[in-house]
N, C-alpha and C. Protein backbone atom coordinates (compact mmCIF):
# COMPACT_ATOMS: atom_id res chain seq x y z
N MET A 1 0.85 -1.17 0.00
CA MET A 1 0.00 0.00 0.00
C MET A 1 0.90 1.24 0.00
N LYS A 2 0.53 2.20 -0.80
CA LYS A 2 1.30 3.44 -0.89
C LYS A 2 1.02 4.34 0.31
N LYS A 3 1.94 5.25 0.56
CA LYS A 3 1.78 6.18 1.69
C LYS A 3 0.49 6.98 1.55
N GLN A 4 0.20 7.46 0.38
CA GLN A 4 -1.01 8.25 0.16
C GLN A 4 -2.26 7.44 0.48
N GLU A 5 -2.26 6.16 0.12
CA GLU A 5 -3.39 5.29 0.42
C GLU A 5 -3.53 5.06 1.93
N LEU A 6 -2.40 4.90 2.62
CA LEU A 6 -2.43 4.75 4.08
C LEU A 6 -2.98 6.00 4.76
N ILE A 7 -2.57 7.16 4.28
CA ILE A 7 -3.08 8.41 4.84
C ILE A 7 -4.59 8.51 4.62
N HIS A 8 -5.05 8.09 3.46
CA HIS A 8 -6.49 8.10 3.17
C HIS A 8 -7.22 7.14 4.11
N LEU A 9 -6.70 5.94 4.28
CA LEU A 9 -7.30 4.97 5.19
C LEU A 9 -7.29 5.51 6.63
N HIS A 10 -6.21 6.14 7.01
CA HIS A 10 -6.08 6.74 8.33
C HIS A 10 -7.18 7.79 8.53
N SER A 11 -7.40 8.61 7.52
CA SER A 11 -8.46 9.64 7.58
C SER A 11 -9.83 9.00 7.73
N LEU A 12 -10.08 7.95 6.98
CA LEU A 12 -11.38 7.27 7.06
C LEU A 12 -11.61 6.66 8.44
N LEU A 13 -10.57 6.05 9.01
CA LEU A 13 -10.71 5.47 10.34
C LEU A 13 -10.96 6.55 11.39
N ALA A 14 -10.32 7.70 11.24
CA ALA A 14 -10.55 8.81 12.17
C ALA A 14 -12.00 9.29 12.06
N GLN A 15 -12.55 9.32 10.86
CA GLN A 15 -13.95 9.70 10.68
C GLN A 15 -14.88 8.66 11.30
N VAL A 16 -14.54 7.39 11.15
CA VAL A 16 -15.34 6.33 11.77
C VAL A 16 -15.32 6.49 13.28
N GLN A 17 -14.15 6.81 13.84
CA GLN A 17 -14.04 7.02 15.28
C GLN A 17 -14.95 8.16 15.73
N HIS A 18 -14.89 9.28 15.06
CA HIS A 18 -15.71 10.43 15.43
C HIS A 18 -17.21 10.13 15.30
N HIS A 19 -17.58 9.44 14.23
CA HIS A 19 -18.98 9.07 14.02
C HIS A 19 -19.44 8.11 15.11
N TYR A 20 -18.64 7.11 15.40
CA TYR A 20 -19.00 6.13 16.43
C TYR A 20 -19.15 6.80 17.79
N GLU A 21 -18.22 7.68 18.13
CA GLU A 21 -18.29 8.38 19.41
C GLU A 21 -19.55 9.23 19.51
N ALA A 22 -19.93 9.86 18.42
CA ALA A 22 -21.15 10.67 18.42
C ALA A 22 -22.39 9.79 18.56
N GLU A 23 -22.42 8.67 17.86
CA GLU A 23 -23.58 7.78 17.90
C GLU A 23 -23.69 7.05 19.24
N ALA A 24 -22.55 6.61 19.77
CA ALA A 24 -22.55 5.84 21.02
C ALA A 24 -22.54 6.74 22.24
N ASP A 25 -22.32 8.03 22.03
CA ASP A 25 -22.24 9.00 23.12
C ASP A 25 -21.19 8.60 24.16
N SER A 26 -20.05 8.13 23.66
CA SER A 26 -18.93 7.78 24.52
C SER A 26 -17.64 7.91 23.72
N GLU A 27 -16.53 8.00 24.44
CA GLU A 27 -15.25 8.14 23.76
C GLU A 27 -14.59 6.78 23.61
N VAL A 28 -13.91 6.61 22.49
CA VAL A 28 -13.14 5.39 22.26
C VAL A 28 -11.81 5.55 22.98
N GLU A 29 -11.43 4.54 23.76
CA GLU A 29 -10.14 4.53 24.45
C GLU A 29 -9.06 4.43 23.39
N HIS A 30 -8.28 5.48 23.23
CA HIS A 30 -7.26 5.47 22.18
C HIS A 30 -5.91 5.98 22.68
N ASP A 31 -5.48 5.43 23.82
CA ASP A 31 -4.20 5.84 24.41
C ASP A 31 -3.01 5.50 23.52
N ARG A 32 -2.99 4.27 23.01
CA ARG A 32 -1.84 3.86 22.18
C ARG A 32 -1.78 4.72 20.92
N TYR A 33 -2.93 4.94 20.31
CA TYR A 33 -2.99 5.76 19.10
C TYR A 33 -2.53 7.19 19.42
N ALA A 34 -3.00 7.75 20.51
CA ALA A 34 -2.62 9.12 20.88
C ALA A 34 -1.14 9.22 21.20
N ASP A 35 -0.59 8.18 21.83
CA ASP A 35 0.84 8.19 22.17
C ASP A 35 1.73 8.22 20.93
N LEU A 36 1.23 7.71 19.82
CA LEU A 36 2.03 7.71 18.59
C LEU A 36 2.22 9.12 18.04
N GLY A 37 1.25 9.99 18.27
CA GLY A 37 1.35 11.36 17.80
C GLY A 37 1.26 11.52 16.29
N VAL A 38 0.60 10.57 15.65
CA VAL A 38 0.44 10.61 14.19
C VAL A 38 -1.04 10.78 13.89
N LYS A 39 -1.38 11.86 13.25
CA LYS A 39 -2.76 12.12 12.85
C LYS A 39 -2.85 12.01 11.33
N PRO A 40 -4.06 11.88 10.80
CA PRO A 40 -4.19 11.80 9.34
C PRO A 40 -3.59 13.00 8.63
N THR A 41 -3.57 14.14 9.29
CA THR A 41 -3.02 15.35 8.68
C THR A 41 -1.50 15.45 8.81
N SER A 42 -0.88 14.49 9.47
CA SER A 42 0.58 14.49 9.65
C SER A 42 1.25 13.90 8.41
N ILE A 43 1.15 14.61 7.31
CA ILE A 43 1.65 14.07 6.04
C ILE A 43 3.18 13.98 6.00
N HIS A 44 3.85 14.68 6.90
CA HIS A 44 5.30 14.64 6.95
C HIS A 44 5.82 13.37 7.64
N LYS A 45 4.93 12.66 8.34
CA LYS A 45 5.32 11.42 9.02
C LYS A 45 5.52 10.32 7.98
N SER A 46 6.28 9.32 8.36
CA SER A 46 6.62 8.25 7.42
C SER A 46 5.45 7.30 7.17
N LYS A 47 5.59 6.52 6.14
CA LYS A 47 4.59 5.51 5.80
C LYS A 47 4.46 4.52 6.96
N THR A 48 5.58 4.15 7.56
CA THR A 48 5.58 3.23 8.69
C THR A 48 4.82 3.81 9.88
N ASP A 49 4.99 5.11 10.12
CA ASP A 49 4.28 5.77 11.22
C ASP A 49 2.77 5.72 10.99
N HIS A 50 2.35 5.99 9.78
CA HIS A 50 0.92 5.96 9.47
C HIS A 50 0.38 4.53 9.55
N LYS A 51 1.17 3.57 9.12
CA LYS A 51 0.74 2.17 9.19
C LYS A 51 0.53 1.77 10.65
N GLU A 52 1.45 2.14 11.52
CA GLU A 52 1.32 1.82 12.94
C GLU A 52 0.09 2.52 13.54
N ALA A 53 -0.14 3.76 13.14
CA ALA A 53 -1.30 4.51 13.64
C ALA A 53 -2.61 3.87 13.16
N VAL A 54 -2.65 3.44 11.92
CA VAL A 54 -3.85 2.78 11.37
C VAL A 54 -4.15 1.51 12.16
N PHE A 55 -3.13 0.69 12.41
CA PHE A 55 -3.34 -0.54 13.16
C PHE A 55 -3.78 -0.25 14.60
N ALA A 56 -3.18 0.74 15.22
CA ALA A 56 -3.55 1.09 16.60
C ALA A 56 -4.99 1.58 16.66
N LEU A 57 -5.35 2.47 15.76
CA LEU A 57 -6.71 3.01 15.76
C LEU A 57 -7.74 1.93 15.43
N ALA A 58 -7.44 1.10 14.46
CA ALA A 58 -8.37 0.03 14.08
C ALA A 58 -8.56 -0.95 15.24
N THR A 59 -7.49 -1.28 15.93
CA THR A 59 -7.57 -2.20 17.07
C THR A 59 -8.41 -1.60 18.19
N GLU A 60 -8.17 -0.33 18.49
CA GLU A 60 -8.90 0.31 19.57
C GLU A 60 -10.38 0.49 19.23
N LEU A 61 -10.68 0.79 17.97
CA LEU A 61 -12.08 0.91 17.54
C LEU A 61 -12.81 -0.43 17.63
N THR A 62 -12.19 -1.48 17.12
CA THR A 62 -12.86 -2.78 17.13
C THR A 62 -13.02 -3.31 18.55
N THR A 63 -12.05 -3.03 19.42
CA THR A 63 -12.17 -3.44 20.82
C THR A 63 -13.34 -2.75 21.48
N GLU A 64 -13.45 -1.45 21.27
CA GLU A 64 -14.54 -0.67 21.85
C GLU A 64 -15.89 -1.15 21.32
N MET A 65 -15.98 -1.39 20.02
CA MET A 65 -17.24 -1.83 19.43
C MET A 65 -17.62 -3.22 19.91
N ALA A 66 -16.64 -4.10 20.07
CA ALA A 66 -16.91 -5.45 20.56
C ALA A 66 -17.42 -5.40 22.00
N GLU A 67 -16.81 -4.55 22.82
CA GLU A 67 -17.26 -4.42 24.21
C GLU A 67 -18.67 -3.85 24.27
N ALA A 68 -18.98 -2.92 23.39
CA ALA A 68 -20.31 -2.31 23.38
C ALA A 68 -21.38 -3.32 22.98
N THR A 69 -21.06 -4.25 22.11
CA THR A 69 -22.05 -5.24 21.68
C THR A 69 -22.24 -6.33 22.71
N ASP A 70 -21.30 -6.49 23.64
CA ASP A 70 -21.42 -7.48 24.70
C ASP A 70 -22.34 -7.01 25.82
N GLU A 71 -22.59 -5.71 25.90
CA GLU A 71 -23.45 -5.17 26.95
C GLU A 71 -24.91 -5.51 26.65
N PRO A 72 -25.68 -5.83 27.69
CA PRO A 72 -27.11 -6.09 27.45
C PRO A 72 -27.82 -4.82 27.00
N ARG A 73 -28.72 -4.98 26.08
CA ARG A 73 -29.46 -3.84 25.54
C ARG A 73 -30.84 -3.81 26.18
N PRO A 74 -31.37 -2.61 26.43
CA PRO A 74 -32.71 -2.52 27.00
C PRO A 74 -33.75 -3.05 26.00
N MET A 75 -34.78 -3.64 26.54
CA MET A 75 -35.85 -4.16 25.69
C MET A 75 -36.67 -3.00 25.14
N ALA A 76 -37.06 -3.11 23.88
CA ALA A 76 -37.89 -2.08 23.25
C ALA A 76 -39.33 -2.26 23.70
N ALA A 77 -39.98 -1.14 23.94
CA ALA A 77 -41.40 -1.19 24.33
C ALA A 77 -42.25 -1.46 23.10
N ASP A 78 -43.20 -2.36 23.24
CA ASP A 78 -44.09 -2.68 22.10
C ASP A 78 -45.29 -1.80 22.10
């Protein structure tokens, strides 16, 4: 994958994170991602840096979503 494609994927994952946080009304735990200091707009960072950030963000998003689906949901009123 080219650097430009990784940056695009990184941007998409960041949008998914923001959308999920808005819909779930909670924040995604993203300490590892934040510690990397690589944002989608950090175009000066290396391809390897963006790849690591993509994996960190994807892992943290899927972990959060998996935990949210394990919680019991309230029954809908008929």
